[in-house]
Amino acid sequence: AGVTLWEMMTFGAEPYAGIRLAEVPDLLEKGERLSQPQICTIDVYMVMVKCECSHQRGLGSSRGLG
């Protein structure tokens, strides 16, 4: 869900552009995240990051957002 929100906020930009798909899990493990889109408020960006972290831990994309 976090990546989908990011794609919406960037009007369909490619997430992790220029990075091989096989490298993305390692980047996430190191704490790398997609950058905050220009039109995105910090509150929405934090939801995106929380979704990414939850998904990475295998908790699902919407758990614990409340």
C-alpha atoms as a PDB file:
ATOM      1  CA  ALA A   1       0.000   0.000   0.000  1.00  0.00           C
ATOM      2  CA  GLY A   2       2.873   2.393   0.708  1.00  0.00           C
ATOM      3  CA  VAL A   3       4.314   2.059  -2.777  1.00  0.00           C
ATOM      4  CA  THR A   4       0.847   2.432  -4.307  1.00  0.00           C
ATOM      5  CA  LEU A   5       0.323   5.681  -2.380  1.00  0.00           C
ATOM      6  CA  TRP A   6       3.752   6.867  -3.515  1.00  0.00           C
ATOM      7  CA  GLU A   7       2.879   6.090  -7.138  1.00  0.00           C
ATOM      8  CA  MET A   8      -0.365   8.051  -6.791  1.00  0.00           C
ATOM      9  CA  MET A   9       1.405  11.044  -5.245  1.00  0.00           C
ATOM     10  CA  THR A  10       4.037  11.046  -7.998  1.00  0.00           C
ATOM     11  CA  PHE A  11       1.472  10.671 -10.788  1.00  0.00           C
ATOM     12  CA  GLY A  12       2.718   7.219 -11.749  1.00  0.00           C
ATOM     13  CA  ALA A  13       6.473   7.608 -11.402  1.00  0.00           C
ATOM     14  CA  GLU A  14       8.413   4.355 -11.213  1.00  0.00           C
ATOM     15  CA  PRO A  15       9.380   3.494  -7.631  1.00  0.00           C
ATOM     16  CA  TYR A  16      13.039   2.629  -7.161  1.00  0.00           C
ATOM     17  CA  ALA A  17      13.767   3.740 -10.731  1.00  0.00           C
ATOM     18  CA  GLY A  18      17.176   2.611 -11.916  1.00  0.00           C
ATOM     19  CA  ILE A  19      17.502   0.009  -9.163  1.00  0.00           C
ATOM     20  CA  ARG A  20      17.287  -3.678  -9.980  1.00  0.00           C
ATOM     21  CA  LEU A  21      14.294  -5.371  -8.367  1.00  0.00           C
ATOM     22  CA  ALA A  22      16.593  -7.903  -6.696  1.00  0.00           C
ATOM     23  CA  GLU A  23      18.346  -5.035  -4.850  1.00  0.00           C
ATOM     24  CA  VAL A  24      15.184  -3.509  -3.346  1.00  0.00           C
ATOM     25  CA  PRO A  25      14.872  -5.893  -0.344  1.00  0.00           C
ATOM     26  CA  ASP A  26      18.470  -5.139   0.673  1.00  0.00           C
ATOM     27  CA  LEU A  27      17.808  -1.396   0.452  1.00  0.00           C
ATOM     28  CA  LEU A  28      14.706  -1.735   2.618  1.00  0.00           C
ATOM     29  CA  GLU A  29      16.619  -3.812   5.146  1.00  0.00           C
ATOM     30  CA  LYS A  30      19.184  -1.007   5.370  1.00  0.00           C
ATOM     31  CA  GLY A  31      16.384   1.474   6.107  1.00  0.00           C
ATOM     32  CA  GLU A  32      16.183   3.087   2.660  1.00  0.00           C
ATOM     33  CA  ARG A  33      12.730   4.371   1.756  1.00  0.00           C
ATOM     34  CA  LEU A  34      11.114   6.078  -1.206  1.00  0.00           C
ATOM     35  CA  SER A  35      11.532   9.833  -1.020  1.00  0.00           C
ATOM     36  CA  GLN A  36       8.670  12.083   0.047  1.00  0.00           C
ATOM     37  CA  PRO A  37       6.805  13.271  -3.069  1.00  0.00           C
ATOM     38  CA  GLN A  38       6.620  17.053  -3.451  1.00  0.00           C
ATOM     39  CA  ILE A  39       2.821  17.208  -3.211  1.00  0.00           C
ATOM     40  CA  CYS A  40       2.672  14.847  -0.237  1.00  0.00           C
ATOM     41  CA  THR A  41       2.190  16.158   3.304  1.00  0.00           C
ATOM     42  CA  ILE A  42       4.410  14.744   6.027  1.00  0.00           C
ATOM     43  CA  ASP A  43       1.373  13.034   7.580  1.00  0.00           C
ATOM     44  CA  VAL A  44       0.561  11.148   4.370  1.00  0.00           C
ATOM     45  CA  TYR A  45       4.240  10.333   3.840  1.00  0.00           C
ATOM     46  CA  MET A  46       4.463   8.835   7.330  1.00  0.00           C
ATOM     47  CA  VAL A  47       1.478   6.579   6.521  1.00  0.00           C
ATOM     48  CA  MET A  48       3.310   5.472   3.378  1.00  0.00           C
ATOM     49  CA  VAL A  49       6.459   4.667   5.353  1.00  0.00           C
ATOM     50  CA  LYS A  50       4.464   2.838   8.010  1.00  0.00           C
ATOM     51  CA  CYS A  51       2.785   0.726   5.310  1.00  0.00           C
ATOM     52  CA  GLU A  52       6.171  -0.157   3.826  1.00  0.00           C
ATOM     53  CA  CYS A  53       7.551  -1.142   7.227  1.00  0.00           C
ATOM     54  CA  SER A  54       4.489  -3.229   8.088  1.00  0.00           C
ATOM     55  CA  HIS A  55       4.623  -5.012   4.751  1.00  0.00           C
ATOM     56  CA  GLN A  56       8.342  -5.669   5.158  1.00  0.00           C
ATOM     57  CA  ARG A  57       7.699  -7.344   8.533  1.00  0.00           C
ATOM     58  CA  GLY A  58       4.920  -9.421   6.967  1.00  0.00           C
ATOM     59  CA  LEU A  59       2.132  -7.744   8.916  1.00  0.00           C
ATOM     60  CA  GLY A  60       0.047  -6.688   5.948  1.00  0.00           C
ATOM     61  CA  SER A  61      -0.286  -3.227   4.496  1.00  0.00           C
ATOM     62  CA  SER A  62      -2.986  -1.641   6.639  1.00  0.00           C
ATOM     63  CA  ARG A  63      -2.465  -3.124  10.072  1.00  0.00           C
ATOM     64  CA  GLY A  64      -1.698  -0.675  12.858  1.00  0.00           C
ATOM     65  CA  LEU A  65      -2.467   2.508  10.959  1.00  0.00           C
ATOM     66  CA  GLY A  66      -5.148   3.689  13.379  1.00  0.00           C
END
